[in-house]
């Protein structure tokens, strides 16, 4: 498995492929919500398997006050339970620190809360709806 920070259009298309499979097909998020106006402002990530097929994806945006917003974190259904979520989160946090972030924030789907809590994230909001799915805002202080 290889984690890549997207630098080429084909890699971005691979990230979109994973996101469409997970969010649009599996979770029925409308395409116009999933691919949005913030794509060009984000740093995109893809994890490829040994056959160079995309398996996981995410994006990162640096927002106000040295915060990094971790978004669109997803792993293909058939690639789950192999540690790719952990690997992706580590890459996101590392790149956030490189870009000067001191804190990571995300809107996590409620079913993923235990995963993020194990990685040091704390829920800081009541549940809310986003794209028809229940989320909770989570934060984590990043250490160099």
N, C-alpha and C. Protein backbone atom coordinates (compact mmCIF):
# COMPACT_ATOMS: atom_id res chain seq x y z
N UNK A 1 0.84 -1.19 0.00
CA UNK A 1 0.00 0.00 0.00
C UNK A 1 0.88 1.24 0.00
N UNK A 2 0.47 2.22 -0.77
CA UNK A 2 1.24 3.45 -0.88
C UNK A 2 0.30 4.65 -0.72
N UNK A 3 0.64 5.55 0.20
CA UNK A 3 -0.13 6.78 0.40
C UNK A 3 0.48 7.88 -0.43
N UNK A 4 -0.35 8.58 -1.20
CA UNK A 4 0.12 9.61 -2.12
C UNK A 4 -0.61 10.92 -1.84
N UNK A 5 0.15 12.02 -1.79
CA UNK A 5 -0.46 13.34 -1.82
C UNK A 5 -0.62 13.68 -3.29
N UNK A 6 -1.83 13.99 -3.68
CA UNK A 6 -2.18 14.17 -5.08
C UNK A 6 -1.43 15.35 -5.70
N UNK A 7 -0.76 15.07 -6.83
CA UNK A 7 -0.08 16.11 -7.60
C UNK A 7 -0.49 16.09 -9.07
N UNK A 8 -1.21 15.05 -9.48
CA UNK A 8 -1.60 14.89 -10.88
C UNK A 8 -3.12 14.72 -10.98
N UNK A 9 -3.67 15.13 -12.10
CA UNK A 9 -5.12 15.03 -12.31
C UNK A 9 -5.61 13.59 -12.22
N UNK A 10 -4.84 12.64 -12.72
CA UNK A 10 -5.28 11.24 -12.66
C UNK A 10 -5.40 10.77 -11.21
N UNK A 11 -4.50 11.25 -10.35
CA UNK A 11 -4.58 10.90 -8.93
C UNK A 11 -5.83 11.52 -8.29
N UNK A 12 -6.13 12.76 -8.67
CA UNK A 12 -7.34 13.40 -8.13
C UNK A 12 -8.57 12.62 -8.58
N UNK A 13 -8.57 12.17 -9.83
CA UNK A 13 -9.69 11.37 -10.32
C UNK A 13 -9.81 10.06 -9.53
N UNK A 14 -8.68 9.49 -9.14
CA UNK A 14 -8.70 8.29 -8.30
C UNK A 14 -9.31 8.58 -6.93
N UNK A 15 -8.98 9.74 -6.36
CA UNK A 15 -9.57 10.14 -5.08
C UNK A 15 -11.08 10.30 -5.24
N UNK A 16 -11.49 10.96 -6.31
CA UNK A 16 -12.92 11.14 -6.57
C UNK A 16 -13.62 9.79 -6.75
N UNK A 17 -12.95 8.86 -7.41
CA UNK A 17 -13.53 7.53 -7.61
C UNK A 17 -13.86 6.89 -6.27
N UNK A 18 -12.90 6.89 -5.34
CA UNK A 18 -13.12 6.29 -4.03
C UNK A 18 -14.26 7.01 -3.31
N UNK A 19 -14.21 8.33 -3.32
CA UNK A 19 -15.25 9.12 -2.65
C UNK A 19 -16.63 8.85 -3.24
N UNK A 20 -16.73 8.74 -4.56
CA UNK A 20 -18.02 8.45 -5.19
C UNK A 20 -18.52 7.06 -4.79
N UNK A 21 -17.62 6.09 -4.77
CA UNK A 21 -18.02 4.73 -4.39
C UNK A 21 -18.56 4.70 -2.96
N UNK A 22 -17.86 5.37 -2.04
CA UNK A 22 -18.25 5.33 -0.63
C UNK A 22 -19.41 6.26 -0.33
N UNK A 23 -19.26 7.53 -0.68
CA UNK A 23 -20.27 8.50 -0.27
C UNK A 23 -21.49 8.55 -1.19
N UNK A 24 -21.28 8.55 -2.50
CA UNK A 24 -22.41 8.68 -3.43
C UNK A 24 -23.15 7.35 -3.59
N UNK A 25 -22.43 6.27 -3.90
CA UNK A 25 -23.10 4.99 -4.13
C UNK A 25 -23.53 4.32 -2.82
N UNK A 26 -22.59 4.18 -1.89
CA UNK A 26 -22.87 3.43 -0.66
C UNK A 26 -23.76 4.22 0.30
N UNK A 27 -23.46 5.51 0.49
CA UNK A 27 -24.19 6.30 1.49
C UNK A 27 -25.24 7.25 0.89
N UNK A 28 -25.34 7.24 -0.43
CA UNK A 28 -26.36 8.00 -1.15
C UNK A 28 -26.29 9.52 -0.93
N UNK A 29 -25.07 10.04 -0.82
CA UNK A 29 -24.87 11.49 -0.78
C UNK A 29 -24.98 12.00 -2.22
N UNK A 30 -25.74 13.07 -2.46
CA UNK A 30 -25.84 13.60 -3.83
C UNK A 30 -24.47 14.04 -4.37
N UNK A 31 -24.22 13.75 -5.63
CA UNK A 31 -22.94 14.09 -6.26
C UNK A 31 -22.61 15.56 -6.12
N UNK A 32 -23.60 16.44 -6.26
CA UNK A 32 -23.34 17.88 -6.20
C UNK A 32 -22.92 18.34 -4.80
N UNK A 33 -23.19 17.54 -3.78
CA UNK A 33 -22.70 17.84 -2.43
C UNK A 33 -21.31 17.26 -2.24
N UNK A 34 -21.09 16.06 -2.76
CA UNK A 34 -19.81 15.37 -2.53
C UNK A 34 -18.64 16.09 -3.19
N UNK A 35 -18.75 16.42 -4.45
CA UNK A 35 -17.69 17.14 -5.15
C UNK A 35 -18.11 18.61 -5.13
N UNK A 36 -17.37 19.44 -4.39
CA UNK A 36 -17.83 20.81 -4.16
C UNK A 36 -16.82 21.86 -4.59
N UNK A 37 -17.13 23.10 -4.29
CA UNK A 37 -16.30 24.25 -4.71
C UNK A 37 -14.99 24.35 -3.93
N UNK A 38 -14.79 23.52 -2.92
CA UNK A 38 -13.56 23.58 -2.12
C UNK A 38 -12.47 22.63 -2.62
N UNK A 39 -12.76 21.85 -3.64
CA UNK A 39 -11.80 20.85 -4.13
C UNK A 39 -10.44 21.46 -4.48
N UNK A 40 -10.45 22.60 -5.16
CA UNK A 40 -9.18 23.20 -5.59
C UNK A 40 -8.41 23.85 -4.45
N UNK A 41 -9.05 24.04 -3.30
CA UNK A 41 -8.38 24.64 -2.14
C UNK A 41 -7.84 23.58 -1.19
N UNK A 42 -8.06 22.31 -1.52
CA UNK A 42 -7.71 21.22 -0.62
C UNK A 42 -6.46 20.47 -1.09
N UNK A 43 -5.83 19.80 -0.13
CA UNK A 43 -4.75 18.85 -0.41
C UNK A 43 -5.43 17.48 -0.39
N UNK A 44 -5.31 16.74 -1.48
CA UNK A 44 -5.99 15.45 -1.61
C UNK A 44 -5.00 14.30 -1.39
N UNK A 45 -5.52 13.21 -0.85
CA UNK A 45 -4.73 12.02 -0.54
C UNK A 45 -5.40 10.79 -1.16
N UNK A 46 -4.58 9.85 -1.60
CA UNK A 46 -5.08 8.56 -2.09
C UNK A 46 -4.15 7.47 -1.57
N UNK A 47 -4.72 6.36 -1.16
CA UNK A 47 -3.92 5.17 -0.85
C UNK A 47 -4.18 4.16 -1.96
N UNK A 48 -3.08 3.69 -2.56
CA UNK A 48 -3.14 2.69 -3.63
C UNK A 48 -2.70 1.34 -3.10
N UNK A 49 -3.30 0.27 -3.62
CA UNK A 49 -2.81 -1.07 -3.29
C UNK A 49 -1.62 -1.41 -4.18
N UNK A 50 -1.10 -2.60 -4.02
CA UNK A 50 0.09 -3.00 -4.78
C UNK A 50 -0.17 -3.11 -6.28
N UNK A 51 -1.44 -3.21 -6.67
CA UNK A 51 -1.81 -3.23 -8.09
C UNK A 51 -2.11 -1.83 -8.62
N UNK A 52 -1.76 -0.82 -7.81
CA UNK A 52 -1.97 0.60 -8.19
C UNK A 52 -3.45 0.96 -8.35
N UNK A 53 -4.30 0.28 -7.60
CA UNK A 53 -5.73 0.59 -7.60
C UNK A 53 -6.04 1.42 -6.35
N UNK A 54 -6.79 2.52 -6.50
CA UNK A 54 -7.11 3.36 -5.35
C UNK A 54 -8.02 2.62 -4.36
N UNK A 55 -7.68 2.72 -3.07
CA UNK A 55 -8.42 2.02 -2.02
C UNK A 55 -9.03 2.95 -0.98
N UNK A 56 -8.41 4.12 -0.80
CA UNK A 56 -8.85 5.06 0.24
C UNK A 56 -8.52 6.47 -0.22
N UNK A 57 -9.25 7.44 0.33
CA UNK A 57 -9.02 8.83 -0.07
C UNK A 57 -9.45 9.77 1.06
N UNK A 58 -8.96 10.99 0.98
CA UNK A 58 -9.35 12.05 1.92
C UNK A 58 -8.87 13.38 1.36
N UNK A 59 -9.32 14.45 2.01
CA UNK A 59 -8.79 15.76 1.67
C UNK A 59 -8.57 16.54 2.96
N UNK A 60 -7.71 17.55 2.84
CA UNK A 60 -7.29 18.38 3.97
C UNK A 60 -7.32 19.82 3.54
N UNK A 61 -7.87 20.68 4.39
CA UNK A 61 -7.82 22.12 4.13
C UNK A 61 -7.30 22.82 5.38
N UNK A 62 -6.41 23.77 5.17
CA UNK A 62 -5.94 24.62 6.27
C UNK A 62 -6.94 25.76 6.37
N UNK A 63 -7.53 25.91 7.56
CA UNK A 63 -8.53 26.95 7.76
C UNK A 63 -8.03 27.92 8.83
N UNK A 64 -8.87 28.79 9.30
CA UNK A 64 -8.46 29.88 10.21
C UNK A 64 -7.75 29.37 11.46
N UNK A 65 -6.91 30.26 12.00
CA UNK A 65 -6.26 30.02 13.30
C UNK A 65 -5.45 28.72 13.37
N UNK A 66 -4.67 28.45 12.36
CA UNK A 66 -3.80 27.27 12.36
C UNK A 66 -4.55 25.96 12.59
N UNK A 67 -5.72 25.88 12.01
CA UNK A 67 -6.50 24.65 12.10
C UNK A 67 -6.50 23.95 10.75
N UNK A 68 -6.49 22.63 10.81
CA UNK A 68 -6.62 21.82 9.60
C UNK A 68 -7.96 21.12 9.66
N UNK A 69 -8.71 21.20 8.57
CA UNK A 69 -10.00 20.50 8.50
C UNK A 69 -9.79 19.23 7.68
N UNK A 70 -10.00 18.09 8.33
CA UNK A 70 -9.87 16.79 7.69
C UNK A 70 -11.25 16.41 7.16
N UNK A 71 -11.31 16.12 5.86
CA UNK A 71 -12.60 15.91 5.21
C UNK A 71 -12.58 14.72 4.27
N UNK A 72 -13.77 14.20 4.01
CA UNK A 72 -13.98 13.17 2.98
C UNK A 72 -13.09 11.94 3.20
N UNK A 73 -12.88 11.58 4.45
CA UNK A 73 -12.05 10.41 4.77
C UNK A 73 -12.87 9.15 4.46
N UNK A 74 -12.35 8.31 3.57
CA UNK A 74 -13.12 7.13 3.18
C UNK A 74 -12.22 6.00 2.69
N UNK A 75 -12.72 4.79 2.88
CA UNK A 75 -12.04 3.57 2.45
C UNK A 75 -13.08 2.71 1.72
N UNK A 76 -12.70 2.17 0.57
CA UNK A 76 -13.61 1.29 -0.16
C UNK A 76 -14.05 0.13 0.74
N UNK A 77 -15.28 -0.30 0.58
CA UNK A 77 -15.84 -1.36 1.42
C UNK A 77 -14.94 -2.60 1.46
N UNK A 78 -14.46 -3.02 0.30
CA UNK A 78 -13.64 -4.24 0.24
C UNK A 78 -12.24 -4.06 0.81
N UNK A 79 -11.85 -2.81 1.08
CA UNK A 79 -10.51 -2.55 1.62
C UNK A 79 -10.53 -2.22 3.12
N UNK A 80 -11.70 -2.29 3.73
CA UNK A 80 -11.80 -1.97 5.16
C UNK A 80 -11.22 -3.10 6.01
N UNK A 81 -10.84 -2.79 7.22
CA UNK A 81 -10.27 -3.73 8.19
C UNK A 81 -8.82 -4.10 7.87
N UNK A 82 -8.15 -3.28 7.06
CA UNK A 82 -6.73 -3.50 6.76
C UNK A 82 -5.86 -2.37 7.27
N UNK A 83 -6.42 -1.49 8.10
CA UNK A 83 -5.64 -0.40 8.68
C UNK A 83 -5.47 0.82 7.80
N UNK A 84 -6.22 0.89 6.69
CA UNK A 84 -6.05 2.03 5.78
C UNK A 84 -6.58 3.32 6.38
N UNK A 85 -7.61 3.24 7.19
CA UNK A 85 -8.12 4.44 7.86
C UNK A 85 -7.07 5.04 8.77
N UNK A 86 -6.37 4.18 9.52
CA UNK A 86 -5.29 4.64 10.40
C UNK A 86 -4.17 5.28 9.58
N UNK A 87 -3.80 4.61 8.50
CA UNK A 87 -2.72 5.11 7.65
C UNK A 87 -3.09 6.47 7.03
N UNK A 88 -4.31 6.60 6.58
CA UNK A 88 -4.79 7.84 5.98
C UNK A 88 -4.80 8.97 7.01
N UNK A 89 -5.29 8.68 8.20
CA UNK A 89 -5.36 9.69 9.26
C UNK A 89 -3.96 10.17 9.65
N UNK A 90 -3.02 9.25 9.74
CA UNK A 90 -1.63 9.63 10.06
C UNK A 90 -1.06 10.55 8.98
N UNK A 91 -1.32 10.25 7.72
CA UNK A 91 -0.82 11.08 6.62
C UNK A 91 -1.46 12.47 6.66
N UNK A 92 -2.75 12.54 6.94
CA UNK A 92 -3.45 13.82 7.03
C UNK A 92 -2.87 14.67 8.16
N UNK A 93 -2.68 14.06 9.33
CA UNK A 93 -2.15 14.80 10.48
C UNK A 93 -0.73 15.28 10.22
N UNK A 94 0.09 14.43 9.63
CA UNK A 94 1.47 14.81 9.32
C UNK A 94 1.50 16.00 8.36
N UNK A 95 0.70 15.96 7.31
CA UNK A 95 0.67 17.05 6.34
C UNK A 95 0.09 18.32 6.96
N UNK A 96 -0.87 18.17 7.85
CA UNK A 96 -1.43 19.33 8.55
C UNK A 96 -0.34 20.04 9.35
N UNK A 97 0.48 19.28 10.06
CA UNK A 97 1.58 19.85 10.84
C UNK A 97 2.58 20.55 9.93
N UNK A 98 2.93 19.90 8.81
CA UNK A 98 3.86 20.50 7.84
C UNK A 98 3.33 21.85 7.36
N UNK A 99 2.01 21.98 7.27
CA UNK A 99 1.38 23.22 6.81
C UNK A 99 1.06 24.19 7.94
N UNK A 100 1.61 23.94 9.13
CA UNK A 100 1.49 24.88 10.23
C UNK A 100 0.28 24.72 11.13
N UNK A 101 -0.48 23.67 10.95
CA UNK A 101 -1.67 23.47 11.79
C UNK A 101 -1.27 22.97 13.18
N UNK A 102 -1.97 23.47 14.16
CA UNK A 102 -1.78 23.05 15.55
C UNK A 102 -2.94 22.18 16.03
N UNK A 103 -4.05 22.27 15.30
CA UNK A 103 -5.25 21.54 15.68
C UNK A 103 -5.92 20.97 14.44
N UNK A 104 -6.44 19.75 14.57
CA UNK A 104 -7.22 19.13 13.51
C UNK A 104 -8.68 19.14 13.91
N UNK A 105 -9.55 19.46 12.96
CA UNK A 105 -10.99 19.43 13.19
C UNK A 105 -11.65 18.62 12.08
N UNK A 106 -12.77 18.02 12.40
CA UNK A 106 -13.50 17.25 11.39
C UNK A 106 -14.96 17.15 11.79
N UNK A 107 -15.79 16.86 10.83
CA UNK A 107 -17.18 16.48 11.05
C UNK A 107 -17.22 14.98 10.79
N UNK A 108 -17.22 14.20 11.86
CA UNK A 108 -17.14 12.74 11.74
C UNK A 108 -18.54 12.13 11.75
N UNK A 109 -18.74 11.14 10.90
CA UNK A 109 -19.99 10.39 10.94
C UNK A 109 -20.05 9.64 12.27
N UNK A 110 -21.23 9.62 12.88
CA UNK A 110 -21.34 9.07 14.23
C UNK A 110 -20.88 7.62 14.33
N UNK A 111 -21.06 6.82 13.29
CA UNK A 111 -20.62 5.42 13.37
C UNK A 111 -19.10 5.31 13.41
N UNK A 112 -18.39 6.37 13.03
CA UNK A 112 -16.92 6.35 13.05
C UNK A 112 -16.33 6.95 14.33
N UNK A 113 -17.18 7.42 15.24
CA UNK A 113 -16.69 8.05 16.47
C UNK A 113 -15.70 7.17 17.25
N UNK A 114 -15.98 5.88 17.48
CA UNK A 114 -15.02 5.07 18.24
C UNK A 114 -13.63 5.03 17.59
N UNK A 115 -13.60 4.95 16.27
CA UNK A 115 -12.32 4.95 15.54
C UNK A 115 -11.55 6.23 15.83
N UNK A 116 -12.20 7.38 15.68
CA UNK A 116 -11.51 8.66 15.88
C UNK A 116 -11.16 8.89 17.34
N UNK A 117 -12.00 8.44 18.26
CA UNK A 117 -11.69 8.59 19.69
C UNK A 117 -10.43 7.81 20.04
N UNK A 118 -10.25 6.62 19.47
CA UNK A 118 -9.03 5.83 19.70
C UNK A 118 -7.80 6.56 19.19
N UNK A 119 -7.98 7.42 18.20
CA UNK A 119 -6.86 8.18 17.62
C UNK A 119 -6.68 9.53 18.30
N UNK A 120 -7.38 9.76 19.43
CA UNK A 120 -7.17 10.98 20.20
C UNK A 120 -8.11 12.13 19.91
N UNK A 121 -9.12 11.92 19.09
CA UNK A 121 -10.08 12.98 18.78
C UNK A 121 -11.16 13.03 19.85
N UNK A 122 -11.64 14.24 20.12
CA UNK A 122 -12.69 14.47 21.12
C UNK A 122 -13.91 15.09 20.44
N UNK A 123 -15.08 14.58 20.77
CA UNK A 123 -16.33 15.16 20.26
C UNK A 123 -16.57 16.48 20.97
N UNK A 124 -16.88 17.53 20.21
CA UNK A 124 -17.08 18.86 20.78
C UNK A 124 -18.42 19.47 20.37
N UNK A 125 -19.34 18.65 19.87
CA UNK A 125 -20.65 19.17 19.50
C UNK A 125 -21.70 18.09 19.73
N UNK A 126 -22.92 18.54 19.70
CA UNK A 126 -24.05 17.61 19.67
C UNK A 126 -24.14 17.06 18.25
N UNK A 127 -24.77 15.91 18.06
CA UNK A 127 -24.94 15.39 16.70
C UNK A 127 -25.73 16.37 15.82
N UNK A 128 -25.36 16.42 14.54
CA UNK A 128 -26.05 17.27 13.57
C UNK A 128 -26.08 16.57 12.23
N UNK A 129 -26.99 17.00 11.38
CA UNK A 129 -27.14 16.41 10.05
C UNK A 129 -26.29 17.16 9.03
N UNK A 130 -25.58 16.40 8.21
CA UNK A 130 -24.81 16.98 7.10
C UNK A 130 -24.92 15.98 5.96
N UNK A 131 -25.39 16.44 4.82
CA UNK A 131 -25.59 15.57 3.64
C UNK A 131 -26.49 14.39 3.97
N UNK A 132 -27.44 14.61 4.89
CA UNK A 132 -28.38 13.56 5.25
C UNK A 132 -27.82 12.49 6.18
N UNK A 133 -26.64 12.72 6.74
CA UNK A 133 -25.97 11.76 7.62
C UNK A 133 -25.65 12.45 8.94
N UNK A 134 -25.84 11.74 10.05
CA UNK A 134 -25.56 12.32 11.36
C UNK A 134 -24.05 12.37 11.61
N UNK A 135 -23.58 13.57 11.98
CA UNK A 135 -22.16 13.83 12.24
C UNK A 135 -21.99 14.45 13.62
N UNK A 136 -20.74 14.47 14.08
CA UNK A 136 -20.34 15.17 15.29
C UNK A 136 -19.04 15.89 14.97
N UNK A 137 -18.90 17.14 15.43
CA UNK A 137 -17.64 17.85 15.26
C UNK A 137 -16.64 17.28 16.26
N UNK A 138 -15.43 17.00 15.77
CA UNK A 138 -14.36 16.46 16.62
C UNK A 138 -13.10 17.28 16.43
N UNK A 139 -12.28 17.33 17.47
CA UNK A 139 -11.01 18.06 17.39
C UNK A 139 -9.90 17.25 18.05
N UNK A 140 -8.68 17.59 17.67
CA UNK A 140 -7.49 16.99 18.27
C UNK A 140 -6.35 17.99 18.15
N UNK A 141 -5.63 18.21 19.23
CA UNK A 141 -4.42 19.03 19.17
C UNK A 141 -3.32 18.19 18.52
N UNK A 142 -2.62 18.79 17.58
CA UNK A 142 -1.56 18.08 16.86
C UNK A 142 -0.22 18.37 17.52
N UNK A 143 0.62 17.35 17.63
CA UNK A 143 1.95 17.56 18.20
C UNK A 143 3.01 17.26 17.16
N UNK A 144 4.04 18.06 17.19
CA UNK A 144 5.12 17.94 16.19
C UNK A 144 5.96 16.72 16.48
